[in-house]
Amino acid sequence: MSLTGGCFCGQVRYRIDAPLGEGRCCHCSRCRKAFSGAGSAYSEVVPGSHSWTSGAENVRFYETAPGWGMGFCKTCGTTLCGVAGDTVHGVTLGTVDGDPGVVIGAHIFVDSKAPWDHIGGDAPQYAEHAPQRSNSANGEIN
């Protein structure tokens, strides 16, 4: 299983060699600004499954909080990914070629959504963060 994606101008391309995590859409004011829209739509990636296939030198990173940030194409401004340290943590679903194989499973920070944003679909909506889930099979918290 392999997914591909890239930026608007085509300078940056990537590949993901594992299924994506659950899709989420964040409606906070920071995501609205970073994504120039109602919010962000993203999925986490399995650590080590993401690689830049072309244009890595065109990616610029912006630290949004200590140890966390976003990657953008320096030419067209497309928000490509979220990073934790030096590792791609998640990708923006709008940059994936074709069907990413996920649906939006949660809308987060809906209490700060824009007044013109009318959220559709049947995914649960949370005032802030979605609650953590535990994986009963192995006791891990997701």
C-alpha atoms as a PDB file:
ATOM      1  CA  MET A   1       0.000   0.000   0.000  1.00  0.00           C
ATOM      2  CA  SER A   2       1.449   3.313  -1.020  1.00  0.00           C
ATOM      3  CA  LEU A   3      -0.071   6.803  -1.188  1.00  0.00           C
ATOM      4  CA  THR A   4       1.385   9.770  -3.018  1.00  0.00           C
ATOM      5  CA  GLY A   5       0.789  13.473  -2.811  1.00  0.00           C
ATOM      6  CA  GLY A   6       2.245  16.901  -3.321  1.00  0.00           C
ATOM      7  CA  CYS A   7       1.807  20.636  -3.425  1.00  0.00           C
ATOM      8  CA  PHE A   8      -0.240  22.856  -5.744  1.00  0.00           C
ATOM      9  CA  CYS A   9       2.672  23.886  -7.991  1.00  0.00           C
ATOM     10  CA  GLY A  10       4.088  20.345  -8.259  1.00  0.00           C
ATOM     11  CA  GLN A  11       7.539  21.210  -6.912  1.00  0.00           C
ATOM     12  CA  VAL A  12       7.163  18.951  -3.848  1.00  0.00           C
ATOM     13  CA  ARG A  13       6.073  15.302  -3.934  1.00  0.00           C
ATOM     14  CA  TYR A  14       5.861  12.672  -1.201  1.00  0.00           C
ATOM     15  CA  ARG A  15       5.026   9.015  -0.638  1.00  0.00           C
ATOM     16  CA  ILE A  16       3.488   7.258   2.364  1.00  0.00           C
ATOM     17  CA  ASP A  17       4.048   3.512   2.718  1.00  0.00           C
ATOM     18  CA  ALA A  18       1.407   2.722   5.376  1.00  0.00           C
ATOM     19  CA  PRO A  19      -2.293   3.377   5.831  1.00  0.00           C
ATOM     20  CA  LEU A  20      -3.168   6.778   7.264  1.00  0.00           C
ATOM     21  CA  GLY A  21      -4.677   7.213  10.707  1.00  0.00           C
ATOM     22  CA  GLU A  22      -8.175   8.529  11.326  1.00  0.00           C
ATOM     23  CA  GLY A  23      -8.978  11.775   9.541  1.00  0.00           C
ATOM     24  CA  ARG A  24      -9.594  14.824  11.682  1.00  0.00           C
ATOM     25  CA  CYS A  25     -10.685  18.347  10.951  1.00  0.00           C
ATOM     26  CA  CYS A  26      -9.589  21.132  13.283  1.00  0.00           C
ATOM     27  CA  HIS A  27     -11.654  24.328  13.276  1.00  0.00           C
ATOM     28  CA  CYS A  28      -9.461  26.472  15.577  1.00  0.00           C
ATOM     29  CA  SER A  29      -8.471  29.993  14.563  1.00  0.00           C
ATOM     30  CA  ARG A  30      -4.817  28.978  14.062  1.00  0.00           C
ATOM     31  CA  CYS A  31      -5.721  26.192  11.601  1.00  0.00           C
ATOM     32  CA  ARG A  32      -8.071  28.532   9.732  1.00  0.00           C
ATOM     33  CA  LYS A  33      -5.139  30.898   9.186  1.00  0.00           C
ATOM     34  CA  ALA A  34      -2.571  28.186   8.362  1.00  0.00           C
ATOM     35  CA  PHE A  35      -4.893  26.479   5.870  1.00  0.00           C
ATOM     36  CA  SER A  36      -6.682  29.614   4.581  1.00  0.00           C
ATOM     37  CA  GLY A  37     -10.097  28.064   5.085  1.00  0.00           C
ATOM     38  CA  ALA A  38     -12.599  26.653   7.558  1.00  0.00           C
ATOM     39  CA  GLY A  39      -9.877  24.572   9.192  1.00  0.00           C
ATOM     40  CA  SER A  40      -7.515  21.707   8.581  1.00  0.00           C
ATOM     41  CA  ALA A  41      -8.216  18.192   7.365  1.00  0.00           C
ATOM     42  CA  TYR A  42      -5.373  15.833   8.224  1.00  0.00           C
ATOM     43  CA  SER A  43      -4.395  12.316   9.184  1.00  0.00           C
ATOM     44  CA  GLU A  44      -1.484  11.073  11.217  1.00  0.00           C
ATOM     45  CA  VAL A  45       1.102   8.886   9.506  1.00  0.00           C
ATOM     46  CA  VAL A  46       2.894   5.834  10.855  1.00  0.00           C
ATOM     47  CA  PRO A  47       6.349   7.008  11.988  1.00  0.00           C
ATOM     48  CA  GLY A  48       8.906   6.444   9.239  1.00  0.00           C
ATOM     49  CA  SER A  49       6.299   5.792   6.516  1.00  0.00           C
ATOM     50  CA  HIS A  50       6.522   9.276   4.931  1.00  0.00           C
ATOM     51  CA  SER A  51       9.273  10.230   2.490  1.00  0.00           C
ATOM     52  CA  TRP A  52       9.849  13.170   0.160  1.00  0.00           C
ATOM     53  CA  THR A  53      10.216  11.851  -3.396  1.00  0.00           C
ATOM     54  CA  SER A  54      11.042  15.206  -4.999  1.00  0.00           C
ATOM     55  CA  GLY A  55      11.442  18.818  -3.978  1.00  0.00           C
ATOM     56  CA  ALA A  56      12.430  18.276  -0.337  1.00  0.00           C
ATOM     57  CA  GLU A  57      14.677  21.321  -0.667  1.00  0.00           C
ATOM     58  CA  ASN A  58      11.518  23.338  -1.426  1.00  0.00           C
ATOM     59  CA  VAL A  59       9.860  22.475   1.912  1.00  0.00           C
ATOM     60  CA  ARG A  60      10.060  25.084   4.638  1.00  0.00           C
ATOM     61  CA  PHE A  61       9.111  24.396   8.236  1.00  0.00           C
ATOM     62  CA  TYR A  62       7.443  26.696  10.715  1.00  0.00           C
ATOM     63  CA  GLU A  63       7.477  25.861  14.433  1.00  0.00           C
ATOM     64  CA  THR A  64       3.993  26.420  15.866  1.00  0.00           C
ATOM     65  CA  ALA A  65       4.877  25.270  19.401  1.00  0.00           C
ATOM     66  CA  PRO A  66       8.101  23.903  20.912  1.00  0.00           C
ATOM     67  CA  GLY A  67       8.856  20.642  19.084  1.00  0.00           C
ATOM     68  CA  TRP A  68       5.821  20.906  16.770  1.00  0.00           C
ATOM     69  CA  GLY A  69       5.305  22.597  13.433  1.00  0.00           C
ATOM     70  CA  MET A  70       4.135  22.528   9.839  1.00  0.00           C
ATOM     71  CA  GLY A  71       5.801  22.039   6.478  1.00  0.00           C
ATOM     72  CA  PHE A  72       4.955  24.268   3.501  1.00  0.00           C
ATOM     73  CA  CYS A  73       6.020  24.503  -0.140  1.00  0.00           C
ATOM     74  CA  LYS A  74       8.161  27.646  -0.384  1.00  0.00           C
ATOM     75  CA  THR A  75       6.954  28.316  -3.934  1.00  0.00           C
ATOM     76  CA  CYS A  76       3.164  27.982  -3.759  1.00  0.00           C
ATOM     77  CA  GLY A  77       2.539  28.001   0.012  1.00  0.00           C
ATOM     78  CA  THR A  78       0.695  24.671   0.196  1.00  0.00           C
ATOM     79  CA  THR A  79       0.517  23.345   3.763  1.00  0.00           C
ATOM     80  CA  LEU A  80       1.808  19.787   3.323  1.00  0.00           C
ATOM     81  CA  CYS A  81       2.334  18.250   6.734  1.00  0.00           C
ATOM     82  CA  GLY A  82       2.629  18.532  10.461  1.00  0.00           C
ATOM     83  CA  VAL A  83       5.917  17.679  12.126  1.00  0.00           C
ATOM     84  CA  ALA A  84       6.986  16.539  15.573  1.00  0.00           C
ATOM     85  CA  GLY A  85      10.654  17.318  15.952  1.00  0.00           C
ATOM     86  CA  ASP A  86      12.271  16.303  12.662  1.00  0.00           C
ATOM     87  CA  THR A  87       9.633  13.701  11.790  1.00  0.00           C
ATOM     88  CA  VAL A  88       6.526  14.098   9.644  1.00  0.00           C
ATOM     89  CA  HIS A  89       3.665  13.412  12.043  1.00  0.00           C
ATOM     90  CA  GLY A  90       0.691  13.855   9.705  1.00  0.00           C
ATOM     91  CA  VAL A  91      -0.313  14.999   6.232  1.00  0.00           C
ATOM     92  CA  THR A  92      -2.988  17.364   5.032  1.00  0.00           C
ATOM     93  CA  LEU A  93      -5.639  15.307   3.265  1.00  0.00           C
ATOM     94  CA  GLY A  94      -6.032  17.863   0.488  1.00  0.00           C
ATOM     95  CA  THR A  95      -2.484  17.140  -0.698  1.00  0.00           C
ATOM     96  CA  VAL A  96      -2.995  13.371  -1.094  1.00  0.00           C
ATOM     97  CA  ASP A  97      -3.482  12.166  -4.676  1.00  0.00           C
ATOM     98  CA  GLY A  98      -6.816  10.396  -5.101  1.00  0.00           C
ATOM     99  CA  ASP A  99      -8.611   8.662  -2.254  1.00  0.00           C
ATOM    100  CA  PRO A 100      -6.559   8.722   0.968  1.00  0.00           C
ATOM    101  CA  GLY A 101      -8.567   5.798   2.333  1.00  0.00           C
ATOM    102  CA  VAL A 102      -9.910   7.700   5.347  1.00  0.00           C
ATOM    103  CA  VAL A 103     -12.938   9.755   6.280  1.00  0.00           C
ATOM    104  CA  ILE A 104     -13.122  12.557   8.810  1.00  0.00           C
ATOM    105  CA  GLY A 105     -13.669  10.784  12.119  1.00  0.00           C
ATOM    106  CA  ALA A 106     -13.786  13.865  14.363  1.00  0.00           C
ATOM    107  CA  HIS A 107     -14.177  17.622  14.220  1.00  0.00           C
ATOM    108  CA  ILE A 108     -12.139  19.322  16.936  1.00  0.00           C
ATOM    109  CA  PHE A 109     -12.106  22.830  18.426  1.00  0.00           C
ATOM    110  CA  VAL A 110     -15.590  23.484  17.079  1.00  0.00           C
ATOM    111  CA  ASP A 111     -16.275  26.026  19.845  1.00  0.00           C
ATOM    112  CA  SER A 112     -13.870  28.372  18.050  1.00  0.00           C
ATOM    113  CA  LYS A 113     -15.049  27.691  14.483  1.00  0.00           C
ATOM    114  CA  ALA A 114     -15.734  30.642  12.192  1.00  0.00           C
ATOM    115  CA  PRO A 115     -19.323  31.919  12.280  1.00  0.00           C
ATOM    116  CA  TRP A 116     -19.678  31.151   8.557  1.00  0.00           C
ATOM    117  CA  ASP A 117     -18.491  27.523   8.983  1.00  0.00           C
ATOM    118  CA  HIS A 118     -21.370  25.034   8.894  1.00  0.00           C
ATOM    119  CA  ILE A 119     -19.930  21.604   9.663  1.00  0.00           C
ATOM    120  CA  GLY A 120     -21.542  18.767   7.736  1.00  0.00           C
ATOM    121  CA  GLY A 121     -21.381  15.012   7.979  1.00  0.00           C
ATOM    122  CA  ASP A 122     -21.958  12.778  10.954  1.00  0.00           C
ATOM    123  CA  ALA A 123     -18.500  12.723  12.567  1.00  0.00           C
ATOM    124  CA  PRO A 124     -18.538  13.655  16.264  1.00  0.00           C
ATOM    125  CA  GLN A 125     -17.791  17.257  17.141  1.00  0.00           C
ATOM    126  CA  TYR A 126     -15.714  18.263  20.157  1.00  0.00           C
ATOM    127  CA  ALA A 127     -15.431  21.669  21.816  1.00  0.00           C
ATOM    128  CA  GLU A 128     -11.660  21.220  22.027  1.00  0.00           C
ATOM    129  CA  HIS A 129      -9.533  18.054  21.757  1.00  0.00           C
ATOM    130  CA  ALA A 130     -11.179  14.722  21.058  1.00  0.00           C
ATOM    131  CA  PRO A 131     -11.048  12.376  24.035  1.00  0.00           C
ATOM    132  CA  GLN A 132      -8.217   9.856  24.051  1.00  0.00           C
ATOM    133  CA  ARG A 133      -9.250   6.311  23.304  1.00  0.00           C
ATOM    134  CA  SER A 134      -7.681   3.258  24.835  1.00  0.00           C
ATOM    135  CA  ASN A 135      -6.958   0.192  22.773  1.00  0.00           C
ATOM    136  CA  SER A 136      -8.401  -2.561  24.960  1.00  0.00           C
ATOM    137  CA  ALA A 137      -6.384  -5.247  23.172  1.00  0.00           C
ATOM    138  CA  ASN A 138      -3.036  -3.896  24.363  1.00  0.00           C
ATOM    139  CA  GLY A 139      -3.871  -1.195  26.917  1.00  0.00           C
ATOM    140  CA  GLU A 140      -2.340   1.604  24.842  1.00  0.00           C
ATOM    141  CA  ILE A 141      -3.898   5.049  24.641  1.00  0.00           C
ATOM    142  CA  ASN A 142      -4.372   6.352  21.108  1.00  0.00           C
END
